[in-house]
Amino acid sequence: AHNETTGALGNGTWWWDTKTGQSFY
C-alpha cells in the first residue's frame, strides 16, 4: 500500500519503494 511513498516516521523522512522484493515475506 505504501509503494513509492514519501513520508515522515519516527524522527526522519525517507523515500522508499517497499513493494519490490518481498519474495521471502
PDBML (XML) file of the C-alpha atoms, coordinates in Angstrom:
<?xml version="1.0" encoding="UTF-8" ?>
<PDBx:datablock datablockName="MODEL"
   xmlns:PDBx="http://pdbml.pdb.org/schema/pdbx-v50.xsd"
   xmlns:xsi="http://www.w3.org/2001/XMLSchema-instance"
   xsi:schemaLocation="http://pdbml.pdb.org/schema/pdbx-v50.xsd pdbx-v50.xsd">
   <PDBx:atom_siteCategory>
      <PDBx:atom_site id="1">
         <PDBx:B_iso_or_equiv>0.00</PDBx:B_iso_or_equiv>
         <PDBx:Cartn_x>0.000</PDBx:Cartn_x>
         <PDBx:Cartn_y>0.000</PDBx:Cartn_y>
         <PDBx:Cartn_z>0.000</PDBx:Cartn_z>
         <PDBx:auth_asym_id>A</PDBx:auth_asym_id>
         <PDBx:auth_atom_id>CA</PDBx:auth_atom_id>
         <PDBx:auth_comp_id>ALA</PDBx:auth_comp_id>
         <PDBx:auth_seq_id>1</PDBx:auth_seq_id>
         <PDBx:group_PDB>ATOM</PDBx:group_PDB>
         <PDBx:label_alt_id xsi:nil="true" />
         <PDBx:label_asym_id>A</PDBx:label_asym_id>
         <PDBx:label_atom_id>CA</PDBx:label_atom_id>
         <PDBx:label_comp_id>ALA</PDBx:label_comp_id>
         <PDBx:label_entity_id>1</PDBx:label_entity_id>
         <PDBx:label_seq_id>1</PDBx:label_seq_id>
         <PDBx:occupancy>1.00</PDBx:occupancy>
         <PDBx:pdbx_PDB_model_num>1</PDBx:pdbx_PDB_model_num>
         <PDBx:type_symbol>C</PDBx:type_symbol>
      </PDBx:atom_site>
      <PDBx:atom_site id="2">
         <PDBx:B_iso_or_equiv>0.00</PDBx:B_iso_or_equiv>
         <PDBx:Cartn_x>2.923</PDBx:Cartn_x>
         <PDBx:Cartn_y>2.335</PDBx:Cartn_y>
         <PDBx:Cartn_z>0.603</PDBx:Cartn_z>
         <PDBx:auth_asym_id>A</PDBx:auth_asym_id>
         <PDBx:auth_atom_id>CA</PDBx:auth_atom_id>
         <PDBx:auth_comp_id>HIS</PDBx:auth_comp_id>
         <PDBx:auth_seq_id>2</PDBx:auth_seq_id>
         <PDBx:group_PDB>ATOM</PDBx:group_PDB>
         <PDBx:label_alt_id xsi:nil="true" />
         <PDBx:label_asym_id>A</PDBx:label_asym_id>
         <PDBx:label_atom_id>CA</PDBx:label_atom_id>
         <PDBx:label_comp_id>HIS</PDBx:label_comp_id>
         <PDBx:label_entity_id>1</PDBx:label_entity_id>
         <PDBx:label_seq_id>2</PDBx:label_seq_id>
         <PDBx:occupancy>1.00</PDBx:occupancy>
         <PDBx:pdbx_PDB_model_num>1</PDBx:pdbx_PDB_model_num>
         <PDBx:type_symbol>C</PDBx:type_symbol>
      </PDBx:atom_site>
      <PDBx:atom_site id="3">
         <PDBx:B_iso_or_equiv>0.00</PDBx:B_iso_or_equiv>
         <PDBx:Cartn_x>4.857</PDBx:Cartn_x>
         <PDBx:Cartn_y>1.601</PDBx:Cartn_y>
         <PDBx:Cartn_z>-2.546</PDBx:Cartn_z>
         <PDBx:auth_asym_id>A</PDBx:auth_asym_id>
         <PDBx:auth_atom_id>CA</PDBx:auth_atom_id>
         <PDBx:auth_comp_id>ASN</PDBx:auth_comp_id>
         <PDBx:auth_seq_id>3</PDBx:auth_seq_id>
         <PDBx:group_PDB>ATOM</PDBx:group_PDB>
         <PDBx:label_alt_id xsi:nil="true" />
         <PDBx:label_asym_id>A</PDBx:label_asym_id>
         <PDBx:label_atom_id>CA</PDBx:label_atom_id>
         <PDBx:label_comp_id>ASN</PDBx:label_comp_id>
         <PDBx:label_entity_id>1</PDBx:label_entity_id>
         <PDBx:label_seq_id>3</PDBx:label_seq_id>
         <PDBx:occupancy>1.00</PDBx:occupancy>
         <PDBx:pdbx_PDB_model_num>1</PDBx:pdbx_PDB_model_num>
         <PDBx:type_symbol>C</PDBx:type_symbol>
      </PDBx:atom_site>
      <PDBx:atom_site id="4">
         <PDBx:B_iso_or_equiv>0.00</PDBx:B_iso_or_equiv>
         <PDBx:Cartn_x>6.875</PDBx:Cartn_x>
         <PDBx:Cartn_y>4.592</PDBx:Cartn_y>
         <PDBx:Cartn_z>-3.736</PDBx:Cartn_z>
         <PDBx:auth_asym_id>A</PDBx:auth_asym_id>
         <PDBx:auth_atom_id>CA</PDBx:auth_atom_id>
         <PDBx:auth_comp_id>GLU</PDBx:auth_comp_id>
         <PDBx:auth_seq_id>4</PDBx:auth_seq_id>
         <PDBx:group_PDB>ATOM</PDBx:group_PDB>
         <PDBx:label_alt_id xsi:nil="true" />
         <PDBx:label_asym_id>A</PDBx:label_asym_id>
         <PDBx:label_atom_id>CA</PDBx:label_atom_id>
         <PDBx:label_comp_id>GLU</PDBx:label_comp_id>
         <PDBx:label_entity_id>1</PDBx:label_entity_id>
         <PDBx:label_seq_id>4</PDBx:label_seq_id>
         <PDBx:occupancy>1.00</PDBx:occupancy>
         <PDBx:pdbx_PDB_model_num>1</PDBx:pdbx_PDB_model_num>
         <PDBx:type_symbol>C</PDBx:type_symbol>
      </PDBx:atom_site>
      <PDBx:atom_site id="5">
         <PDBx:B_iso_or_equiv>0.00</PDBx:B_iso_or_equiv>
         <PDBx:Cartn_x>5.796</PDBx:Cartn_x>
         <PDBx:Cartn_y>6.926</PDBx:Cartn_y>
         <PDBx:Cartn_z>-0.975</PDBx:Cartn_z>
         <PDBx:auth_asym_id>A</PDBx:auth_asym_id>
         <PDBx:auth_atom_id>CA</PDBx:auth_atom_id>
         <PDBx:auth_comp_id>THR</PDBx:auth_comp_id>
         <PDBx:auth_seq_id>5</PDBx:auth_seq_id>
         <PDBx:group_PDB>ATOM</PDBx:group_PDB>
         <PDBx:label_alt_id xsi:nil="true" />
         <PDBx:label_asym_id>A</PDBx:label_asym_id>
         <PDBx:label_atom_id>CA</PDBx:label_atom_id>
         <PDBx:label_comp_id>THR</PDBx:label_comp_id>
         <PDBx:label_entity_id>1</PDBx:label_entity_id>
         <PDBx:label_seq_id>5</PDBx:label_seq_id>
         <PDBx:occupancy>1.00</PDBx:occupancy>
         <PDBx:pdbx_PDB_model_num>1</PDBx:pdbx_PDB_model_num>
         <PDBx:type_symbol>C</PDBx:type_symbol>
      </PDBx:atom_site>
      <PDBx:atom_site id="6">
         <PDBx:B_iso_or_equiv>0.00</PDBx:B_iso_or_equiv>
         <PDBx:Cartn_x>7.457</PDBx:Cartn_x>
         <PDBx:Cartn_y>9.815</PDBx:Cartn_y>
         <PDBx:Cartn_z>0.762</PDBx:Cartn_z>
         <PDBx:auth_asym_id>A</PDBx:auth_asym_id>
         <PDBx:auth_atom_id>CA</PDBx:auth_atom_id>
         <PDBx:auth_comp_id>THR</PDBx:auth_comp_id>
         <PDBx:auth_seq_id>6</PDBx:auth_seq_id>
         <PDBx:group_PDB>ATOM</PDBx:group_PDB>
         <PDBx:label_alt_id xsi:nil="true" />
         <PDBx:label_asym_id>A</PDBx:label_asym_id>
         <PDBx:label_atom_id>CA</PDBx:label_atom_id>
         <PDBx:label_comp_id>THR</PDBx:label_comp_id>
         <PDBx:label_entity_id>1</PDBx:label_entity_id>
         <PDBx:label_seq_id>6</PDBx:label_seq_id>
         <PDBx:occupancy>1.00</PDBx:occupancy>
         <PDBx:pdbx_PDB_model_num>1</PDBx:pdbx_PDB_model_num>
         <PDBx:type_symbol>C</PDBx:type_symbol>
      </PDBx:atom_site>
      <PDBx:atom_site id="7">
         <PDBx:B_iso_or_equiv>0.00</PDBx:B_iso_or_equiv>
         <PDBx:Cartn_x>6.695</PDBx:Cartn_x>
         <PDBx:Cartn_y>10.110</PDBx:Cartn_y>
         <PDBx:Cartn_z>4.438</PDBx:Cartn_z>
         <PDBx:auth_asym_id>A</PDBx:auth_asym_id>
         <PDBx:auth_atom_id>CA</PDBx:auth_atom_id>
         <PDBx:auth_comp_id>GLY</PDBx:auth_comp_id>
         <PDBx:auth_seq_id>7</PDBx:auth_seq_id>
         <PDBx:group_PDB>ATOM</PDBx:group_PDB>
         <PDBx:label_alt_id xsi:nil="true" />
         <PDBx:label_asym_id>A</PDBx:label_asym_id>
         <PDBx:label_atom_id>CA</PDBx:label_atom_id>
         <PDBx:label_comp_id>GLY</PDBx:label_comp_id>
         <PDBx:label_entity_id>1</PDBx:label_entity_id>
         <PDBx:label_seq_id>7</PDBx:label_seq_id>
         <PDBx:occupancy>1.00</PDBx:occupancy>
         <PDBx:pdbx_PDB_model_num>1</PDBx:pdbx_PDB_model_num>
         <PDBx:type_symbol>C</PDBx:type_symbol>
      </PDBx:atom_site>
      <PDBx:atom_site id="8">
         <PDBx:B_iso_or_equiv>0.00</PDBx:B_iso_or_equiv>
         <PDBx:Cartn_x>7.882</PDBx:Cartn_x>
         <PDBx:Cartn_y>11.086</PDBx:Cartn_y>
         <PDBx:Cartn_z>7.875</PDBx:Cartn_z>
         <PDBx:auth_asym_id>A</PDBx:auth_asym_id>
         <PDBx:auth_atom_id>CA</PDBx:auth_atom_id>
         <PDBx:auth_comp_id>ALA</PDBx:auth_comp_id>
         <PDBx:auth_seq_id>8</PDBx:auth_seq_id>
         <PDBx:group_PDB>ATOM</PDBx:group_PDB>
         <PDBx:label_alt_id xsi:nil="true" />
         <PDBx:label_asym_id>A</PDBx:label_asym_id>
         <PDBx:label_atom_id>CA</PDBx:label_atom_id>
         <PDBx:label_comp_id>ALA</PDBx:label_comp_id>
         <PDBx:label_entity_id>1</PDBx:label_entity_id>
         <PDBx:label_seq_id>8</PDBx:label_seq_id>
         <PDBx:occupancy>1.00</PDBx:occupancy>
         <PDBx:pdbx_PDB_model_num>1</PDBx:pdbx_PDB_model_num>
         <PDBx:type_symbol>C</PDBx:type_symbol>
      </PDBx:atom_site>
      <PDBx:atom_site id="9">
         <PDBx:B_iso_or_equiv>0.00</PDBx:B_iso_or_equiv>
         <PDBx:Cartn_x>8.017</PDBx:Cartn_x>
         <PDBx:Cartn_y>8.395</PDBx:Cartn_y>
         <PDBx:Cartn_z>10.540</PDBx:Cartn_z>
         <PDBx:auth_asym_id>A</PDBx:auth_asym_id>
         <PDBx:auth_atom_id>CA</PDBx:auth_atom_id>
         <PDBx:auth_comp_id>LEU</PDBx:auth_comp_id>
         <PDBx:auth_seq_id>9</PDBx:auth_seq_id>
         <PDBx:group_PDB>ATOM</PDBx:group_PDB>
         <PDBx:label_alt_id xsi:nil="true" />
         <PDBx:label_asym_id>A</PDBx:label_asym_id>
         <PDBx:label_atom_id>CA</PDBx:label_atom_id>
         <PDBx:label_comp_id>LEU</PDBx:label_comp_id>
         <PDBx:label_entity_id>1</PDBx:label_entity_id>
         <PDBx:label_seq_id>9</PDBx:label_seq_id>
         <PDBx:occupancy>1.00</PDBx:occupancy>
         <PDBx:pdbx_PDB_model_num>1</PDBx:pdbx_PDB_model_num>
         <PDBx:type_symbol>C</PDBx:type_symbol>
      </PDBx:atom_site>
      <PDBx:atom_site id="10">
         <PDBx:B_iso_or_equiv>0.00</PDBx:B_iso_or_equiv>
         <PDBx:Cartn_x>9.883</PDBx:Cartn_x>
         <PDBx:Cartn_y>8.432</PDBx:Cartn_y>
         <PDBx:Cartn_z>13.820</PDBx:Cartn_z>
         <PDBx:auth_asym_id>A</PDBx:auth_asym_id>
         <PDBx:auth_atom_id>CA</PDBx:auth_atom_id>
         <PDBx:auth_comp_id>GLY</PDBx:auth_comp_id>
         <PDBx:auth_seq_id>10</PDBx:auth_seq_id>
         <PDBx:group_PDB>ATOM</PDBx:group_PDB>
         <PDBx:label_alt_id xsi:nil="true" />
         <PDBx:label_asym_id>A</PDBx:label_asym_id>
         <PDBx:label_atom_id>CA</PDBx:label_atom_id>
         <PDBx:label_comp_id>GLY</PDBx:label_comp_id>
         <PDBx:label_entity_id>1</PDBx:label_entity_id>
         <PDBx:label_seq_id>10</PDBx:label_seq_id>
         <PDBx:occupancy>1.00</PDBx:occupancy>
         <PDBx:pdbx_PDB_model_num>1</PDBx:pdbx_PDB_model_num>
         <PDBx:type_symbol>C</PDBx:type_symbol>
      </PDBx:atom_site>
      <PDBx:atom_site id="11">
         <PDBx:B_iso_or_equiv>0.00</PDBx:B_iso_or_equiv>
         <PDBx:Cartn_x>12.406</PDBx:Cartn_x>
         <PDBx:Cartn_y>11.265</PDBx:Cartn_y>
         <PDBx:Cartn_z>13.592</PDBx:Cartn_z>
         <PDBx:auth_asym_id>A</PDBx:auth_asym_id>
         <PDBx:auth_atom_id>CA</PDBx:auth_atom_id>
         <PDBx:auth_comp_id>ASN</PDBx:auth_comp_id>
         <PDBx:auth_seq_id>11</PDBx:auth_seq_id>
         <PDBx:group_PDB>ATOM</PDBx:group_PDB>
         <PDBx:label_alt_id xsi:nil="true" />
         <PDBx:label_asym_id>A</PDBx:label_asym_id>
         <PDBx:label_atom_id>CA</PDBx:label_atom_id>
         <PDBx:label_comp_id>ASN</PDBx:label_comp_id>
         <PDBx:label_entity_id>1</PDBx:label_entity_id>
         <PDBx:label_seq_id>11</PDBx:label_seq_id>
         <PDBx:occupancy>1.00</PDBx:occupancy>
         <PDBx:pdbx_PDB_model_num>1</PDBx:pdbx_PDB_model_num>
         <PDBx:type_symbol>C</PDBx:type_symbol>
      </PDBx:atom_site>
      <PDBx:atom_site id="12">
         <PDBx:B_iso_or_equiv>0.00</PDBx:B_iso_or_equiv>
         <PDBx:Cartn_x>13.224</PDBx:Cartn_x>
         <PDBx:Cartn_y>11.456</PDBx:Cartn_y>
         <PDBx:Cartn_z>9.894</PDBx:Cartn_z>
         <PDBx:auth_asym_id>A</PDBx:auth_asym_id>
         <PDBx:auth_atom_id>CA</PDBx:auth_atom_id>
         <PDBx:auth_comp_id>GLY</PDBx:auth_comp_id>
         <PDBx:auth_seq_id>12</PDBx:auth_seq_id>
         <PDBx:group_PDB>ATOM</PDBx:group_PDB>
         <PDBx:label_alt_id xsi:nil="true" />
         <PDBx:label_asym_id>A</PDBx:label_asym_id>
         <PDBx:label_atom_id>CA</PDBx:label_atom_id>
         <PDBx:label_comp_id>GLY</PDBx:label_comp_id>
         <PDBx:label_entity_id>1</PDBx:label_entity_id>
         <PDBx:label_seq_id>12</PDBx:label_seq_id>
         <PDBx:occupancy>1.00</PDBx:occupancy>
         <PDBx:pdbx_PDB_model_num>1</PDBx:pdbx_PDB_model_num>
         <PDBx:type_symbol>C</PDBx:type_symbol>
      </PDBx:atom_site>
      <PDBx:atom_site id="13">
         <PDBx:B_iso_or_equiv>0.00</PDBx:B_iso_or_equiv>
         <PDBx:Cartn_x>11.959</PDBx:Cartn_x>
         <PDBx:Cartn_y>11.469</PDBx:Cartn_y>
         <PDBx:Cartn_z>6.316</PDBx:Cartn_z>
         <PDBx:auth_asym_id>A</PDBx:auth_asym_id>
         <PDBx:auth_atom_id>CA</PDBx:auth_atom_id>
         <PDBx:auth_comp_id>THR</PDBx:auth_comp_id>
         <PDBx:auth_seq_id>13</PDBx:auth_seq_id>
         <PDBx:group_PDB>ATOM</PDBx:group_PDB>
         <PDBx:label_alt_id xsi:nil="true" />
         <PDBx:label_asym_id>A</PDBx:label_asym_id>
         <PDBx:label_atom_id>CA</PDBx:label_atom_id>
         <PDBx:label_comp_id>THR</PDBx:label_comp_id>
         <PDBx:label_entity_id>1</PDBx:label_entity_id>
         <PDBx:label_seq_id>13</PDBx:label_seq_id>
         <PDBx:occupancy>1.00</PDBx:occupancy>
         <PDBx:pdbx_PDB_model_num>1</PDBx:pdbx_PDB_model_num>
         <PDBx:type_symbol>C</PDBx:type_symbol>
      </PDBx:atom_site>
      <PDBx:atom_site id="14">
         <PDBx:B_iso_or_equiv>0.00</PDBx:B_iso_or_equiv>
         <PDBx:Cartn_x>12.636</PDBx:Cartn_x>
         <PDBx:Cartn_y>8.772</PDBx:Cartn_y>
         <PDBx:Cartn_z>3.737</PDBx:Cartn_z>
         <PDBx:auth_asym_id>A</PDBx:auth_asym_id>
         <PDBx:auth_atom_id>CA</PDBx:auth_atom_id>
         <PDBx:auth_comp_id>TRP</PDBx:auth_comp_id>
         <PDBx:auth_seq_id>14</PDBx:auth_seq_id>
         <PDBx:group_PDB>ATOM</PDBx:group_PDB>
         <PDBx:label_alt_id xsi:nil="true" />
         <PDBx:label_asym_id>A</PDBx:label_asym_id>
         <PDBx:label_atom_id>CA</PDBx:label_atom_id>
         <PDBx:label_comp_id>TRP</PDBx:label_comp_id>
         <PDBx:label_entity_id>1</PDBx:label_entity_id>
         <PDBx:label_seq_id>14</PDBx:label_seq_id>
         <PDBx:occupancy>1.00</PDBx:occupancy>
         <PDBx:pdbx_PDB_model_num>1</PDBx:pdbx_PDB_model_num>
         <PDBx:type_symbol>C</PDBx:type_symbol>
      </PDBx:atom_site>
      <PDBx:atom_site id="15">
         <PDBx:B_iso_or_equiv>0.00</PDBx:B_iso_or_equiv>
         <PDBx:Cartn_x>11.723</PDBx:Cartn_x>
         <PDBx:Cartn_y>7.866</PDBx:Cartn_y>
         <PDBx:Cartn_z>0.209</PDBx:Cartn_z>
         <PDBx:auth_asym_id>A</PDBx:auth_asym_id>
         <PDBx:auth_atom_id>CA</PDBx:auth_atom_id>
         <PDBx:auth_comp_id>TRP</PDBx:auth_comp_id>
         <PDBx:auth_seq_id>15</PDBx:auth_seq_id>
         <PDBx:group_PDB>ATOM</PDBx:group_PDB>
         <PDBx:label_alt_id xsi:nil="true" />
         <PDBx:label_asym_id>A</PDBx:label_asym_id>
         <PDBx:label_atom_id>CA</PDBx:label_atom_id>
         <PDBx:label_comp_id>TRP</PDBx:label_comp_id>
         <PDBx:label_entity_id>1</PDBx:label_entity_id>
         <PDBx:label_seq_id>15</PDBx:label_seq_id>
         <PDBx:occupancy>1.00</PDBx:occupancy>
         <PDBx:pdbx_PDB_model_num>1</PDBx:pdbx_PDB_model_num>
         <PDBx:type_symbol>C</PDBx:type_symbol>
      </PDBx:atom_site>
      <PDBx:atom_site id="16">
         <PDBx:B_iso_or_equiv>0.00</PDBx:B_iso_or_equiv>
         <PDBx:Cartn_x>11.175</PDBx:Cartn_x>
         <PDBx:Cartn_y>4.200</PDBx:Cartn_y>
         <PDBx:Cartn_z>-0.334</PDBx:Cartn_z>
         <PDBx:auth_asym_id>A</PDBx:auth_asym_id>
         <PDBx:auth_atom_id>CA</PDBx:auth_atom_id>
         <PDBx:auth_comp_id>TRP</PDBx:auth_comp_id>
         <PDBx:auth_seq_id>16</PDBx:auth_seq_id>
         <PDBx:group_PDB>ATOM</PDBx:group_PDB>
         <PDBx:label_alt_id xsi:nil="true" />
         <PDBx:label_asym_id>A</PDBx:label_asym_id>
         <PDBx:label_atom_id>CA</PDBx:label_atom_id>
         <PDBx:label_comp_id>TRP</PDBx:label_comp_id>
         <PDBx:label_entity_id>1</PDBx:label_entity_id>
         <PDBx:label_seq_id>16</PDBx:label_seq_id>
         <PDBx:occupancy>1.00</PDBx:occupancy>
         <PDBx:pdbx_PDB_model_num>1</PDBx:pdbx_PDB_model_num>
         <PDBx:type_symbol>C</PDBx:type_symbol>
      </PDBx:atom_site>
      <PDBx:atom_site id="17">
         <PDBx:B_iso_or_equiv>0.00</PDBx:B_iso_or_equiv>
         <PDBx:Cartn_x>9.874</PDBx:Cartn_x>
         <PDBx:Cartn_y>1.546</PDBx:Cartn_y>
         <PDBx:Cartn_z>-2.668</PDBx:Cartn_z>
         <PDBx:auth_asym_id>A</PDBx:auth_asym_id>
         <PDBx:auth_atom_id>CA</PDBx:auth_atom_id>
         <PDBx:auth_comp_id>ASP</PDBx:auth_comp_id>
         <PDBx:auth_seq_id>17</PDBx:auth_seq_id>
         <PDBx:group_PDB>ATOM</PDBx:group_PDB>
         <PDBx:label_alt_id xsi:nil="true" />
         <PDBx:label_asym_id>A</PDBx:label_asym_id>
         <PDBx:label_atom_id>CA</PDBx:label_atom_id>
         <PDBx:label_comp_id>ASP</PDBx:label_comp_id>
         <PDBx:label_entity_id>1</PDBx:label_entity_id>
         <PDBx:label_seq_id>17</PDBx:label_seq_id>
         <PDBx:occupancy>1.00</PDBx:occupancy>
         <PDBx:pdbx_PDB_model_num>1</PDBx:pdbx_PDB_model_num>
         <PDBx:type_symbol>C</PDBx:type_symbol>
      </PDBx:atom_site>
      <PDBx:atom_site id="18">
         <PDBx:B_iso_or_equiv>0.00</PDBx:B_iso_or_equiv>
         <PDBx:Cartn_x>8.510</PDBx:Cartn_x>
         <PDBx:Cartn_y>-1.099</PDBx:Cartn_y>
         <PDBx:Cartn_z>-0.323</PDBx:Cartn_z>
         <PDBx:auth_asym_id>A</PDBx:auth_asym_id>
         <PDBx:auth_atom_id>CA</PDBx:auth_atom_id>
         <PDBx:auth_comp_id>THR</PDBx:auth_comp_id>
         <PDBx:auth_seq_id>18</PDBx:auth_seq_id>
         <PDBx:group_PDB>ATOM</PDBx:group_PDB>
         <PDBx:label_alt_id xsi:nil="true" />
         <PDBx:label_asym_id>A</PDBx:label_asym_id>
         <PDBx:label_atom_id>CA</PDBx:label_atom_id>
         <PDBx:label_comp_id>THR</PDBx:label_comp_id>
         <PDBx:label_entity_id>1</PDBx:label_entity_id>
         <PDBx:label_seq_id>18</PDBx:label_seq_id>
         <PDBx:occupancy>1.00</PDBx:occupancy>
         <PDBx:pdbx_PDB_model_num>1</PDBx:pdbx_PDB_model_num>
         <PDBx:type_symbol>C</PDBx:type_symbol>
      </PDBx:atom_site>
      <PDBx:atom_site id="19">
         <PDBx:B_iso_or_equiv>0.00</PDBx:B_iso_or_equiv>
         <PDBx:Cartn_x>6.690</PDBx:Cartn_x>
         <PDBx:Cartn_y>-3.230</PDBx:Cartn_y>
         <PDBx:Cartn_z>-2.871</PDBx:Cartn_z>
         <PDBx:auth_asym_id>A</PDBx:auth_asym_id>
         <PDBx:auth_atom_id>CA</PDBx:auth_atom_id>
         <PDBx:auth_comp_id>LYS</PDBx:auth_comp_id>
         <PDBx:auth_seq_id>19</PDBx:auth_seq_id>
         <PDBx:group_PDB>ATOM</PDBx:group_PDB>
         <PDBx:label_alt_id xsi:nil="true" />
         <PDBx:label_asym_id>A</PDBx:label_asym_id>
         <PDBx:label_atom_id>CA</PDBx:label_atom_id>
         <PDBx:label_comp_id>LYS</PDBx:label_comp_id>
         <PDBx:label_entity_id>1</PDBx:label_entity_id>
         <PDBx:label_seq_id>19</PDBx:label_seq_id>
         <PDBx:occupancy>1.00</PDBx:occupancy>
         <PDBx:pdbx_PDB_model_num>1</PDBx:pdbx_PDB_model_num>
         <PDBx:type_symbol>C</PDBx:type_symbol>
      </PDBx:atom_site>
      <PDBx:atom_site id="20">
         <PDBx:B_iso_or_equiv>0.00</PDBx:B_iso_or_equiv>
         <PDBx:Cartn_x>9.568</PDBx:Cartn_x>
         <PDBx:Cartn_y>-4.599</PDBx:Cartn_y>
         <PDBx:Cartn_z>-4.902</PDBx:Cartn_z>
         <PDBx:auth_asym_id>A</PDBx:auth_asym_id>
         <PDBx:auth_atom_id>CA</PDBx:auth_atom_id>
         <PDBx:auth_comp_id>THR</PDBx:auth_comp_id>
         <PDBx:auth_seq_id>20</PDBx:auth_seq_id>
         <PDBx:group_PDB>ATOM</PDBx:group_PDB>
         <PDBx:label_alt_id xsi:nil="true" />
         <PDBx:label_asym_id>A</PDBx:label_asym_id>
         <PDBx:label_atom_id>CA</PDBx:label_atom_id>
         <PDBx:label_comp_id>THR</PDBx:label_comp_id>
         <PDBx:label_entity_id>1</PDBx:label_entity_id>
         <PDBx:label_seq_id>20</PDBx:label_seq_id>
         <PDBx:occupancy>1.00</PDBx:occupancy>
         <PDBx:pdbx_PDB_model_num>1</PDBx:pdbx_PDB_model_num>
         <PDBx:type_symbol>C</PDBx:type_symbol>
      </PDBx:atom_site>
      <PDBx:atom_site id="21">
         <PDBx:B_iso_or_equiv>0.00</PDBx:B_iso_or_equiv>
         <PDBx:Cartn_x>11.407</PDBx:Cartn_x>
         <PDBx:Cartn_y>-7.583</PDBx:Cartn_y>
         <PDBx:Cartn_z>-3.484</PDBx:Cartn_z>
         <PDBx:auth_asym_id>A</PDBx:auth_asym_id>
         <PDBx:auth_atom_id>CA</PDBx:auth_atom_id>
         <PDBx:auth_comp_id>GLY</PDBx:auth_comp_id>
         <PDBx:auth_seq_id>21</PDBx:auth_seq_id>
         <PDBx:group_PDB>ATOM</PDBx:group_PDB>
         <PDBx:label_alt_id xsi:nil="true" />
         <PDBx:label_asym_id>A</PDBx:label_asym_id>
         <PDBx:label_atom_id>CA</PDBx:label_atom_id>
         <PDBx:label_comp_id>GLY</PDBx:label_comp_id>
         <PDBx:label_entity_id>1</PDBx:label_entity_id>
         <PDBx:label_seq_id>21</PDBx:label_seq_id>
         <PDBx:occupancy>1.00</PDBx:occupancy>
         <PDBx:pdbx_PDB_model_num>1</PDBx:pdbx_PDB_model_num>
         <PDBx:type_symbol>C</PDBx:type_symbol>
      </PDBx:atom_site>
      <PDBx:atom_site id="22">
         <PDBx:B_iso_or_equiv>0.00</PDBx:B_iso_or_equiv>
         <PDBx:Cartn_x>9.054</PDBx:Cartn_x>
         <PDBx:Cartn_y>-9.232</PDBx:Cartn_y>
         <PDBx:Cartn_z>-0.967</PDBx:Cartn_z>
         <PDBx:auth_asym_id>A</PDBx:auth_asym_id>
         <PDBx:auth_atom_id>CA</PDBx:auth_atom_id>
         <PDBx:auth_comp_id>GLN</PDBx:auth_comp_id>
         <PDBx:auth_seq_id>22</PDBx:auth_seq_id>
         <PDBx:group_PDB>ATOM</PDBx:group_PDB>
         <PDBx:label_alt_id xsi:nil="true" />
         <PDBx:label_asym_id>A</PDBx:label_asym_id>
         <PDBx:label_atom_id>CA</PDBx:label_atom_id>
         <PDBx:label_comp_id>GLN</PDBx:label_comp_id>
         <PDBx:label_entity_id>1</PDBx:label_entity_id>
         <PDBx:label_seq_id>22</PDBx:label_seq_id>
         <PDBx:occupancy>1.00</PDBx:occupancy>
         <PDBx:pdbx_PDB_model_num>1</PDBx:pdbx_PDB_model_num>
         <PDBx:type_symbol>C</PDBx:type_symbol>
      </PDBx:atom_site>
      <PDBx:atom_site id="23">
         <PDBx:B_iso_or_equiv>0.00</PDBx:B_iso_or_equiv>
         <PDBx:Cartn_x>9.546</PDBx:Cartn_x>
         <PDBx:Cartn_y>-12.845</PDBx:Cartn_y>
         <PDBx:Cartn_z>-2.007</PDBx:Cartn_z>
         <PDBx:auth_asym_id>A</PDBx:auth_asym_id>
         <PDBx:auth_atom_id>CA</PDBx:auth_atom_id>
         <PDBx:auth_comp_id>SER</PDBx:auth_comp_id>
         <PDBx:auth_seq_id>23</PDBx:auth_seq_id>
         <PDBx:group_PDB>ATOM</PDBx:group_PDB>
         <PDBx:label_alt_id xsi:nil="true" />
         <PDBx:label_asym_id>A</PDBx:label_asym_id>
         <PDBx:label_atom_id>CA</PDBx:label_atom_id>
         <PDBx:label_comp_id>SER</PDBx:label_comp_id>
         <PDBx:label_entity_id>1</PDBx:label_entity_id>
         <PDBx:label_seq_id>23</PDBx:label_seq_id>
         <PDBx:occupancy>1.00</PDBx:occupancy>
         <PDBx:pdbx_PDB_model_num>1</PDBx:pdbx_PDB_model_num>
         <PDBx:type_symbol>C</PDBx:type_symbol>
      </PDBx:atom_site>
      <PDBx:atom_site id="24">
         <PDBx:B_iso_or_equiv>0.00</PDBx:B_iso_or_equiv>
         <PDBx:Cartn_x>10.562</PDBx:Cartn_x>
         <PDBx:Cartn_y>-14.045</PDBx:Cartn_y>
         <PDBx:Cartn_z>1.483</PDBx:Cartn_z>
         <PDBx:auth_asym_id>A</PDBx:auth_asym_id>
         <PDBx:auth_atom_id>CA</PDBx:auth_atom_id>
         <PDBx:auth_comp_id>PHE</PDBx:auth_comp_id>
         <PDBx:auth_seq_id>24</PDBx:auth_seq_id>
         <PDBx:group_PDB>ATOM</PDBx:group_PDB>
         <PDBx:label_alt_id xsi:nil="true" />
         <PDBx:label_asym_id>A</PDBx:label_asym_id>
         <PDBx:label_atom_id>CA</PDBx:label_atom_id>
         <PDBx:label_comp_id>PHE</PDBx:label_comp_id>
         <PDBx:label_entity_id>1</PDBx:label_entity_id>
         <PDBx:label_seq_id>24</PDBx:label_seq_id>
         <PDBx:occupancy>1.00</PDBx:occupancy>
         <PDBx:pdbx_PDB_model_num>1</PDBx:pdbx_PDB_model_num>
         <PDBx:type_symbol>C</PDBx:type_symbol>
      </PDBx:atom_site>
      <PDBx:atom_site id="25">
         <PDBx:B_iso_or_equiv>0.00</PDBx:B_iso_or_equiv>
         <PDBx:Cartn_x>7.646</PDBx:Cartn_x>
         <PDBx:Cartn_y>-12.238</PDBx:Cartn_y>
         <PDBx:Cartn_z>3.111</PDBx:Cartn_z>
         <PDBx:auth_asym_id>A</PDBx:auth_asym_id>
         <PDBx:auth_atom_id>CA</PDBx:auth_atom_id>
         <PDBx:auth_comp_id>TYR</PDBx:auth_comp_id>
         <PDBx:auth_seq_id>25</PDBx:auth_seq_id>
         <PDBx:group_PDB>ATOM</PDBx:group_PDB>
         <PDBx:label_alt_id xsi:nil="true" />
         <PDBx:label_asym_id>A</PDBx:label_asym_id>
         <PDBx:label_atom_id>CA</PDBx:label_atom_id>
         <PDBx:label_comp_id>TYR</PDBx:label_comp_id>
         <PDBx:label_entity_id>1</PDBx:label_entity_id>
         <PDBx:label_seq_id>25</PDBx:label_seq_id>
         <PDBx:occupancy>1.00</PDBx:occupancy>
         <PDBx:pdbx_PDB_model_num>1</PDBx:pdbx_PDB_model_num>
         <PDBx:type_symbol>C</PDBx:type_symbol>
      </PDBx:atom_site>
   </PDBx:atom_siteCategory>
</PDBx:datablock>
